[in-house]
Every structure is written in C-alpha cells, then in structure tokens.
C-alpha cells in the first residue's frame, strides 16, 4: 500500500481516522475502491467500514433504482 503525506492546518479538528474514512468512503462511492480495499485503507474490517459508511453520507446500495432492483432480484 502506498503512503501519502497531507499538510493539514493545526486548527483543523478532524481526527486522522475521520480523514481516512472521508477519503476512503468517497473513493468507494465513486467505484474507485472496493469495500475491502477501502476498509484496508482505513485499517478496519470490511464489516466495520460498511457499518460506518452512513455516518459519512455514503450508501452501500447503488445510486439508481435499477441497481437496487437488480440487487434484490439477485439476492
């Protein structure tokens, strides 16, 4: 896994975990990472990552009704 360095203002009041979750959840939402890859990026289990997504405004379901209906049909 690659490491990057960010310069964050001292008065920025988000934890490192929150910053990682924001980035990982956005990459997951955009389809750039799988849930497993995003979870590994944050350092949590896949289940924990999925459970936390709602806190960061990300749904585990597709954004369209067609995707949701397809998931239901294939369940």
Protein backbone atom coordinates (compact mmCIF):
# COMPACT_ATOMS: atom_id res chain seq x y z
CA UNK A 1 0.00 0.00 0.00
CA UNK A 2 1.23 3.48 -0.88
CA UNK A 3 1.58 6.25 1.71
CA UNK A 4 0.88 9.92 1.07
CA UNK A 5 1.50 12.96 3.22
CA UNK A 6 -1.04 15.75 3.65
CA UNK A 7 -0.39 19.13 5.20
CA UNK A 8 -3.40 19.98 7.36
CA UNK A 9 -3.79 23.26 9.27
CA UNK A 10 -3.12 22.90 13.01
CA UNK A 11 -6.60 24.14 13.89
CA UNK A 12 -8.31 21.53 11.68
CA UNK A 13 -10.39 19.49 14.10
CA UNK A 14 -10.88 16.12 12.41
CA UNK A 15 -9.11 13.01 13.58
CA UNK A 16 -6.81 11.06 11.29
CA UNK A 17 -9.39 8.25 11.31
CA UNK A 18 -12.14 10.63 10.13
CA UNK A 19 -9.94 11.98 7.35
CA UNK A 20 -9.13 8.45 6.19
CA UNK A 21 -12.82 7.46 6.33
CA UNK A 22 -13.85 10.53 4.32
CA UNK A 23 -11.32 9.76 1.61
CA UNK A 24 -11.95 6.00 1.58
CA UNK A 25 -15.74 6.38 1.57
CA UNK A 26 -15.59 8.85 -1.34
CA UNK A 27 -13.33 6.53 -3.33
CA UNK A 28 -15.70 3.64 -2.54
CA UNK A 29 -18.74 5.71 -3.52
CA UNK A 30 -17.07 6.65 -6.83
CA UNK A 31 -16.29 2.99 -7.55
CA UNK A 32 -12.53 3.51 -7.36
CA UNK A 33 -12.11 1.10 -4.41
CA UNK A 34 -13.97 -2.00 -3.30
CA UNK A 35 -15.34 -2.09 0.24
CA UNK A 36 -12.47 -4.39 1.20
CA UNK A 37 -9.84 -2.09 -0.26
CA UNK A 38 -11.38 0.95 1.40
CA UNK A 39 -11.57 -0.88 4.73
CA UNK A 40 -7.90 -1.83 4.48
CA UNK A 41 -7.05 1.78 3.70
CA UNK A 42 -8.73 2.90 6.92
CA UNK A 43 -7.44 -0.05 8.97
CA UNK A 44 -10.82 -1.53 9.90
CA UNK A 45 -12.67 -4.68 8.93
CA UNK A 46 -14.88 -4.68 5.85
CA UNK A 47 -17.94 -5.07 8.08
CA UNK A 48 -16.94 -2.09 10.23
CA UNK A 49 -16.28 0.03 7.15
CA UNK A 50 -19.71 -0.79 5.72
CA UNK A 51 -21.36 -0.03 9.06
CA UNK A 52 -19.61 3.37 9.22
CA UNK A 53 -20.49 4.48 5.68
CA UNK A 54 -23.81 6.06 6.71
CA UNK A 55 -22.02 8.34 9.17
CA UNK A 56 -20.09 9.75 6.20
CA UNK A 57 -23.15 10.13 3.97
CA UNK A 58 -22.45 7.13 1.72
CA UNK A 59 -24.94 4.38 0.92
CA UNK A 60 -23.84 0.79 0.36
CA UNK A 61 -26.53 0.50 -2.31
CA UNK A 62 -26.22 1.65 -5.91
CA UNK A 63 -27.38 5.14 -6.66
CA UNK A 64 -30.08 4.10 -9.10
CA UNK A 65 -33.36 2.25 -8.69
CA UNK A 66 -32.23 -0.12 -11.45
CA UNK A 67 -29.15 -1.09 -9.42
CA UNK A 68 -31.26 -1.66 -6.32
CA UNK A 69 -33.83 -3.74 -8.22
CA UNK A 70 -31.00 -5.78 -9.74
CA UNK A 71 -29.52 -6.41 -6.29
CA UNK A 72 -32.91 -7.51 -4.95
CA UNK A 73 -33.50 -9.80 -7.94
CA UNK A 74 -30.10 -11.41 -7.49
CA UNK A 75 -30.34 -11.83 -3.72
